[in-house]
Structures are given as structure tokens and as C-alpha cells.
Protein backbone atom coordinates (compact mmCIF):
# COMPACT_ATOMS: atom_id res chain seq x y z
CA MET A 1 -9.30 -5.14 -1.38
CA ASN A 2 -7.25 -3.77 1.91
CA GLU A 3 -9.06 -1.66 4.39
CA GLN A 4 -6.25 0.90 4.66
CA ILE A 5 -6.79 1.32 0.38
CA LYS A 6 -10.34 1.31 0.63
CA GLN A 7 -9.98 4.34 2.97
CA ILE A 8 -7.50 5.49 1.13
CA ALA A 9 -9.13 5.60 -2.02
CA GLU A 10 -12.32 7.05 -0.89
CA GLN A 11 -10.38 10.22 0.84
CA ALA A 12 -8.94 10.62 -3.05
CA GLY A 13 -12.78 10.62 -3.72
CA LEU A 14 -12.55 7.54 -5.78
CA GLU A 15 -15.76 5.46 -6.47
CA LEU A 16 -15.12 1.55 -5.12
CA ASP A 17 -17.58 -0.97 -6.80
CA ASP A 18 -18.21 -4.00 -4.05
CA ASP A 19 -19.42 -5.81 -7.53
CA ALA A 20 -15.77 -6.29 -9.07
CA ALA A 21 -16.07 -10.18 -8.29
CA LEU A 22 -19.51 -10.36 -10.06
CA GLU A 23 -20.18 -12.12 -13.48
CA PRO A 24 -19.99 -10.16 -16.15
CA PRO A 25 -17.49 -7.68 -15.24
CA PRO A 26 -18.47 -4.40 -14.25
CA PRO A 27 -17.59 -1.65 -16.95
CA ILE A 28 -14.87 0.59 -16.10
CA TYR A 29 -14.04 3.86 -14.36
CA TYR A 30 -11.86 6.65 -15.48
CA ILE A 31 -10.40 8.47 -12.41
CA THR A 32 -8.94 11.95 -13.36
CA GLU A 33 -5.11 12.33 -12.64
CA LYS A 34 -5.86 14.95 -9.60
CA ASP A 35 -7.66 11.99 -8.08
CA LEU A 36 -5.07 9.98 -8.83
CA GLU A 37 -2.27 12.23 -7.44
CA LYS A 38 -4.82 12.52 -4.45
CA PHE A 39 -4.58 8.69 -3.96
CA THR A 40 -0.80 8.48 -4.50
CA GLU A 41 -0.35 11.36 -1.63
CA LEU A 42 -2.60 9.70 0.85
CA LEU A 43 -0.59 6.39 0.20
CA ILE A 44 2.60 7.92 0.44
CA LYS A 45 1.89 9.48 3.90
CA GLU A 46 -0.01 6.29 4.84
CA CYS A 47 3.64 4.48 4.39
CA SER A 48 5.46 7.43 6.33
CA LYS A 49 2.52 7.01 9.32
CA VAL A 50 3.96 2.98 9.42
CA ILE A 51 7.30 3.86 9.56
CA GLN A 52 6.91 7.15 12.40
CA ASN A 53 5.19 4.32 14.02
CA TRP A 54 7.86 2.02 13.84
CA LYS A 55 10.57 4.39 14.85
CA LYS A 56 9.49 4.54 18.15
CA GLU A 57 10.28 0.86 18.48
CA PRO A 58 14.10 0.84 21.38
CA PHE A 59 15.74 -1.40 17.98
CA PRO A 60 17.50 0.24 15.52
CA PHE A 61 16.53 1.31 11.96
CA ASP A 62 15.89 -2.24 9.18
CA GLU A 63 15.11 -1.42 5.81
CA ASP A 64 13.70 -4.62 5.41
CA LEU A 65 11.84 -4.41 8.39
CA ALA A 66 10.04 -1.35 7.09
CA VAL A 67 9.42 -3.02 4.07
CA GLN A 68 7.53 -5.79 5.79
CA LEU A 69 5.79 -3.75 8.04
CA ILE A 70 4.69 -1.18 4.83
CA HIS A 71 3.45 -4.66 2.69
CA GLU A 72 1.88 -6.29 6.05
CA HIS A 73 -0.36 -2.84 6.56
CA PHE A 74 -1.66 -3.09 3.07
CA GLY A 75 -2.34 -6.76 3.17
CA PHE A 76 0.39 -7.69 0.76
CA GLU A 77 2.86 -10.27 0.48
CA VAL A 78 6.51 -9.26 1.39
CA PRO A 79 8.45 -9.54 -1.21
CA PRO A 80 11.25 -12.42 -1.26
CA LYS A 81 14.92 -10.52 -0.21
CA ASN A 82 17.70 -10.51 -3.03
CA ILE A 83 20.07 -13.27 -2.96
CA LYS A 84 22.71 -12.46 -2.72
CA VAL A 85 26.06 -15.43 -4.07
CA ILE A 86 29.28 -14.73 -2.15
CA LYS A 87 31.94 -16.58 -4.39
CA ILE A 88 34.84 -17.62 -2.38
């Protein structure tokens, strides 16, 4: 799991099971709605921080780059861009 996601989960009060890859699978843990809301709030703040840091760059805003930066920050593969078909 990406280090930023681990930190956000811990800040939200979630307990992470490092033995998740072991056999047999560990028991399922439930989280409260309050914990989930806190995790989501912290995740959105982290995404906003990535964009705010990028705004300091001397080139104009680009939505595709913003998506790429957020995905890379959390260690996920950047999704492919939608392919637009132009009829001639």
C-alpha cells in the first residue's frame, strides 16, 4: 500500500493489518461511518495539496496533468485518456 494512503488511514483512526497477504486471509474489520468520512476528508485534502503545490509551477493548468499527478502521488497507474474520434 502506498505510504500516503497508510498515513491518511492512520490519521483517520483506521487500523491497518500488515498481514493481509498471509494465508488464510485475516478477519474482516469494520469501520464506522465517522472513520470513513474522516478518511475521505483527509484523502480529498491530500489531493488538493498536490494540486496546490503544482499551481506554483510557471505553466498553465492542465486537467490531464492534474489527474496524472494525483494518481502518481498515491502510486496508482494513470488511466488512459479518452480517445476522441473525429469524423471528417
